[in-house]
Amino acid sequence: METLTSLLGAINGVVWGPVMLILLLGVGIYLQLGLKLMPIRKLGMGFKLMWQGEKPSLGWAKRPLLKREMKGKYLPSTL
């Protein structure tokens, strides 16, 4: 049992050490380049939208009905 614990401890030290750091940085750089640096370019707009807050909306129930939605419900079917 102690050999298994020491083996797993050695593997844990390698995996969560420099190897994981290199993999995380590599994947991050790969995604940034694949997205053409979009997360960095849109960072300012993201913070602006976050700090702006949510504007009150009319909600789904208060929007006007479309002509095709009213057909057969509220008006004669001659529309």
N, C-alpha and C. Protein backbone atom coordinates (compact mmCIF):
# COMPACT_ATOMS: atom_id res chain seq x y z
N MET A 1 0.82 -1.20 0.00
CA MET A 1 0.00 0.00 0.00
C MET A 1 0.87 1.26 0.00
N GLU A 2 1.97 1.20 0.73
CA GLU A 2 2.86 2.37 0.77
C GLU A 2 3.54 2.60 -0.57
N THR A 3 3.80 1.52 -1.29
CA THR A 3 4.43 1.69 -2.61
C THR A 3 3.47 2.36 -3.58
N LEU A 4 2.19 2.00 -3.47
CA LEU A 4 1.18 2.64 -4.32
C LEU A 4 1.05 4.12 -3.98
N THR A 5 1.07 4.43 -2.71
CA THR A 5 0.97 5.83 -2.27
C THR A 5 2.18 6.62 -2.75
N SER A 6 3.36 6.05 -2.65
CA SER A 6 4.56 6.77 -3.10
C SER A 6 4.58 6.91 -4.62
N LEU A 7 4.10 5.89 -5.33
CA LEU A 7 4.02 5.97 -6.79
C LEU A 7 3.04 7.06 -7.22
N LEU A 8 1.87 7.08 -6.60
CA LEU A 8 0.88 8.11 -6.93
C LEU A 8 1.37 9.50 -6.54
N GLY A 9 2.11 9.60 -5.46
CA GLY A 9 2.69 10.88 -5.06
C GLY A 9 3.71 11.38 -6.08
N ALA A 10 4.52 10.47 -6.62
CA ALA A 10 5.50 10.85 -7.64
C ALA A 10 4.81 11.29 -8.92
N ILE A 11 3.78 10.55 -9.33
CA ILE A 11 3.02 10.92 -10.54
C ILE A 11 2.32 12.26 -10.32
N ASN A 12 1.78 12.45 -9.14
CA ASN A 12 1.09 13.70 -8.81
C ASN A 12 2.05 14.88 -8.88
N GLY A 13 3.26 14.70 -8.41
CA GLY A 13 4.25 15.78 -8.44
C GLY A 13 4.64 16.16 -9.86
N VAL A 14 4.69 15.18 -10.75
CA VAL A 14 5.06 15.46 -12.15
C VAL A 14 3.89 16.10 -12.89
N VAL A 15 2.71 15.52 -12.73
CA VAL A 15 1.55 15.98 -13.50
C VAL A 15 1.13 17.39 -13.09
N TRP A 16 1.07 17.67 -11.80
CA TRP A 16 0.61 18.97 -11.34
C TRP A 16 1.75 19.98 -11.22
N GLY A 17 2.89 19.65 -11.71
CA GLY A 17 4.03 20.56 -11.66
C GLY A 17 4.19 21.30 -12.97
N PRO A 18 5.40 21.33 -13.49
CA PRO A 18 5.69 22.08 -14.70
C PRO A 18 4.94 21.57 -15.94
N VAL A 19 4.65 20.27 -15.98
CA VAL A 19 3.95 19.72 -17.14
C VAL A 19 2.57 20.35 -17.27
N MET A 20 1.84 20.43 -16.17
CA MET A 20 0.50 21.02 -16.21
C MET A 20 0.57 22.50 -16.56
N LEU A 21 1.55 23.20 -16.04
CA LEU A 21 1.71 24.62 -16.35
C LEU A 21 1.97 24.82 -17.84
N ILE A 22 2.82 24.01 -18.42
CA ILE A 22 3.12 24.12 -19.85
C ILE A 22 1.88 23.79 -20.68
N LEU A 23 1.15 22.75 -20.28
CA LEU A 23 -0.06 22.38 -21.02
C LEU A 23 -1.12 23.49 -20.95
N LEU A 24 -1.32 24.06 -19.78
CA LEU A 24 -2.32 25.12 -19.64
C LEU A 24 -1.94 26.36 -20.45
N LEU A 25 -0.69 26.74 -20.39
CA LEU A 25 -0.24 27.89 -21.18
C LEU A 25 -0.34 27.60 -22.67
N GLY A 26 0.03 26.40 -23.07
CA GLY A 26 -0.04 26.03 -24.49
C GLY A 26 -1.46 26.05 -25.02
N VAL A 27 -2.39 25.50 -24.26
CA VAL A 27 -3.78 25.49 -24.69
C VAL A 27 -4.33 26.92 -24.72
N GLY A 28 -3.97 27.74 -23.75
CA GLY A 28 -4.43 29.12 -23.73
C GLY A 28 -3.93 29.91 -24.93
N ILE A 29 -2.66 29.75 -25.26
CA ILE A 29 -2.09 30.44 -26.42
C ILE A 29 -2.72 29.93 -27.71
N TYR A 30 -2.91 28.62 -27.80
CA TYR A 30 -3.54 28.02 -28.98
C TYR A 30 -4.95 28.57 -29.20
N LEU A 31 -5.73 28.65 -28.12
CA LEU A 31 -7.10 29.16 -28.26
C LEU A 31 -7.11 30.65 -28.59
N GLN A 32 -6.20 31.42 -28.00
CA GLN A 32 -6.13 32.85 -28.31
C GLN A 32 -5.82 33.06 -29.79
N LEU A 33 -4.87 32.31 -30.30
CA LEU A 33 -4.51 32.47 -31.71
C LEU A 33 -5.61 31.94 -32.62
N GLY A 34 -6.26 30.85 -32.22
CA GLY A 34 -7.35 30.30 -33.02
C GLY A 34 -8.54 31.24 -33.09
N LEU A 35 -8.77 31.98 -32.03
CA LEU A 35 -9.88 32.94 -32.00
C LEU A 35 -9.44 34.34 -32.45
N LYS A 36 -8.24 34.43 -32.98
CA LYS A 36 -7.67 35.69 -33.49
C LYS A 36 -7.67 36.78 -32.42
N LEU A 37 -7.29 36.41 -31.22
CA LEU A 37 -7.17 37.30 -30.07
C LEU A 37 -8.48 38.00 -29.71
N MET A 38 -9.59 37.40 -30.06
CA MET A 38 -10.90 38.00 -29.78
C MET A 38 -11.15 38.20 -28.28
N PRO A 39 -10.80 37.26 -27.40
CA PRO A 39 -11.04 37.52 -25.97
C PRO A 39 -10.30 38.74 -25.45
N ILE A 40 -9.11 39.00 -25.96
CA ILE A 40 -8.35 40.17 -25.52
C ILE A 40 -8.93 41.43 -26.14
N ARG A 41 -9.30 41.36 -27.42
CA ARG A 41 -9.84 42.54 -28.11
C ARG A 41 -11.17 42.97 -27.52
N LYS A 42 -11.99 42.04 -27.08
CA LYS A 42 -13.33 42.35 -26.58
C LYS A 42 -13.39 42.49 -25.06
N LEU A 43 -12.25 42.51 -24.41
CA LEU A 43 -12.22 42.59 -22.95
C LEU A 43 -12.82 43.90 -22.44
N GLY A 44 -12.51 45.01 -23.09
CA GLY A 44 -13.06 46.30 -22.68
C GLY A 44 -14.57 46.34 -22.80
N MET A 45 -15.10 45.82 -23.91
CA MET A 45 -16.54 45.80 -24.09
C MET A 45 -17.21 44.89 -23.06
N GLY A 46 -16.55 43.79 -22.72
CA GLY A 46 -17.11 42.89 -21.72
C GLY A 46 -17.23 43.55 -20.36
N PHE A 47 -16.19 44.28 -19.94
CA PHE A 47 -16.26 44.99 -18.67
C PHE A 47 -17.29 46.11 -18.72
N LYS A 48 -17.39 46.78 -19.86
CA LYS A 48 -18.38 47.85 -20.00
C LYS A 48 -19.80 47.29 -19.83
N LEU A 49 -20.07 46.17 -20.49
CA LEU A 49 -21.40 45.56 -20.38
C LEU A 49 -21.65 45.04 -18.97
N MET A 50 -20.60 44.55 -18.32
CA MET A 50 -20.76 44.02 -16.97
C MET A 50 -21.08 45.13 -15.98
N TRP A 51 -20.41 46.27 -16.08
CA TRP A 51 -20.62 47.36 -15.14
C TRP A 51 -21.84 48.20 -15.48
N GLN A 52 -22.30 48.13 -16.71
CA GLN A 52 -23.46 48.91 -17.14
C GLN A 52 -24.72 48.45 -16.43
N GLY A 53 -24.83 47.22 -16.12
CA GLY A 53 -26.02 46.70 -15.47
C GLY A 53 -27.06 46.29 -16.49
N GLU A 54 -28.12 45.71 -15.98
CA GLU A 54 -29.18 45.22 -16.86
C GLU A 54 -30.24 46.29 -17.02
N LYS A 55 -30.59 46.56 -18.25
CA LYS A 55 -31.64 47.54 -18.52
C LYS A 55 -32.99 46.84 -18.40
N PRO A 56 -33.98 47.52 -17.85
CA PRO A 56 -35.29 46.88 -17.75
C PRO A 56 -35.89 46.65 -19.14
N SER A 57 -36.48 45.51 -19.31
CA SER A 57 -37.09 45.20 -20.61
C SER A 57 -38.60 45.13 -20.45
N LEU A 58 -39.28 45.17 -21.57
CA LEU A 58 -40.73 45.10 -21.54
C LEU A 58 -41.22 43.72 -21.16
N GLY A 59 -40.43 42.74 -21.42
CA GLY A 59 -40.83 41.38 -21.10
C GLY A 59 -41.59 40.75 -22.24
N TRP A 60 -41.73 39.46 -22.18
CA TRP A 60 -42.37 38.71 -23.26
C TRP A 60 -43.87 39.01 -23.33
N ALA A 61 -44.51 39.20 -22.20
CA ALA A 61 -45.97 39.36 -22.19
C ALA A 61 -46.40 40.72 -22.73
N LYS A 62 -45.54 41.71 -22.70
CA LYS A 62 -45.95 43.05 -23.10
C LYS A 62 -45.61 43.38 -24.55
N ARG A 63 -45.03 42.44 -25.28
CA ARG A 63 -44.72 42.75 -26.66
C ARG A 63 -45.98 42.66 -27.51
N PRO A 64 -46.09 43.46 -28.56
CA PRO A 64 -47.28 43.40 -29.39
C PRO A 64 -47.36 42.08 -30.16
N LEU A 65 -48.56 41.60 -30.34
CA LEU A 65 -48.75 40.36 -31.08
C LEU A 65 -48.55 40.62 -32.57
N LEU A 66 -47.96 39.66 -33.23
CA LEU A 66 -47.79 39.75 -34.67
C LEU A 66 -49.09 39.35 -35.36
N LYS A 67 -49.22 39.76 -36.60
CA LYS A 67 -50.44 39.47 -37.34
C LYS A 67 -50.68 37.97 -37.45
N ARG A 68 -49.63 37.20 -37.67
CA ARG A 68 -49.80 35.75 -37.82
C ARG A 68 -50.15 35.10 -36.49
N GLU A 69 -49.79 35.72 -35.36
CA GLU A 69 -50.14 35.17 -34.06
C GLU A 69 -51.59 35.46 -33.71
N MET A 70 -52.14 36.55 -34.25
CA MET A 70 -53.51 36.92 -33.94
C MET A 70 -54.50 36.14 -34.80
N LYS A 71 -54.04 35.56 -35.88
CA LYS A 71 -54.93 34.87 -36.81
C LYS A 71 -55.64 33.72 -36.11
N GLY A 72 -56.94 33.76 -36.10
CA GLY A 72 -57.73 32.70 -35.51
C GLY A 72 -57.93 32.85 -34.02
N LYS A 73 -57.22 33.74 -33.37
CA LYS A 73 -57.36 33.89 -31.93
C LYS A 73 -58.22 35.09 -31.57
N TYR A 74 -57.85 36.24 -32.08
CA TYR A 74 -58.52 37.46 -31.68
C TYR A 74 -59.28 38.12 -32.82
N LEU A 75 -58.94 37.78 -34.03
CA LEU A 75 -59.57 38.38 -35.19
C LEU A 75 -60.18 37.28 -36.05
N PRO A 76 -61.08 37.63 -36.92
CA PRO A 76 -61.60 36.63 -37.85
C PRO A 76 -60.47 36.06 -38.71
N SER A 77 -60.65 34.89 -39.21
CA SER A 77 -59.59 34.22 -39.96
C SER A 77 -59.45 34.76 -41.37
N THR A 78 -59.94 35.94 -41.65
CA THR A 78 -59.82 36.53 -42.98
C THR A 78 -58.52 37.28 -43.16
N LEU A 79 -57.65 37.28 -42.18
CA LEU A 79 -56.37 37.99 -42.30
C LEU A 79 -55.46 37.31 -43.28
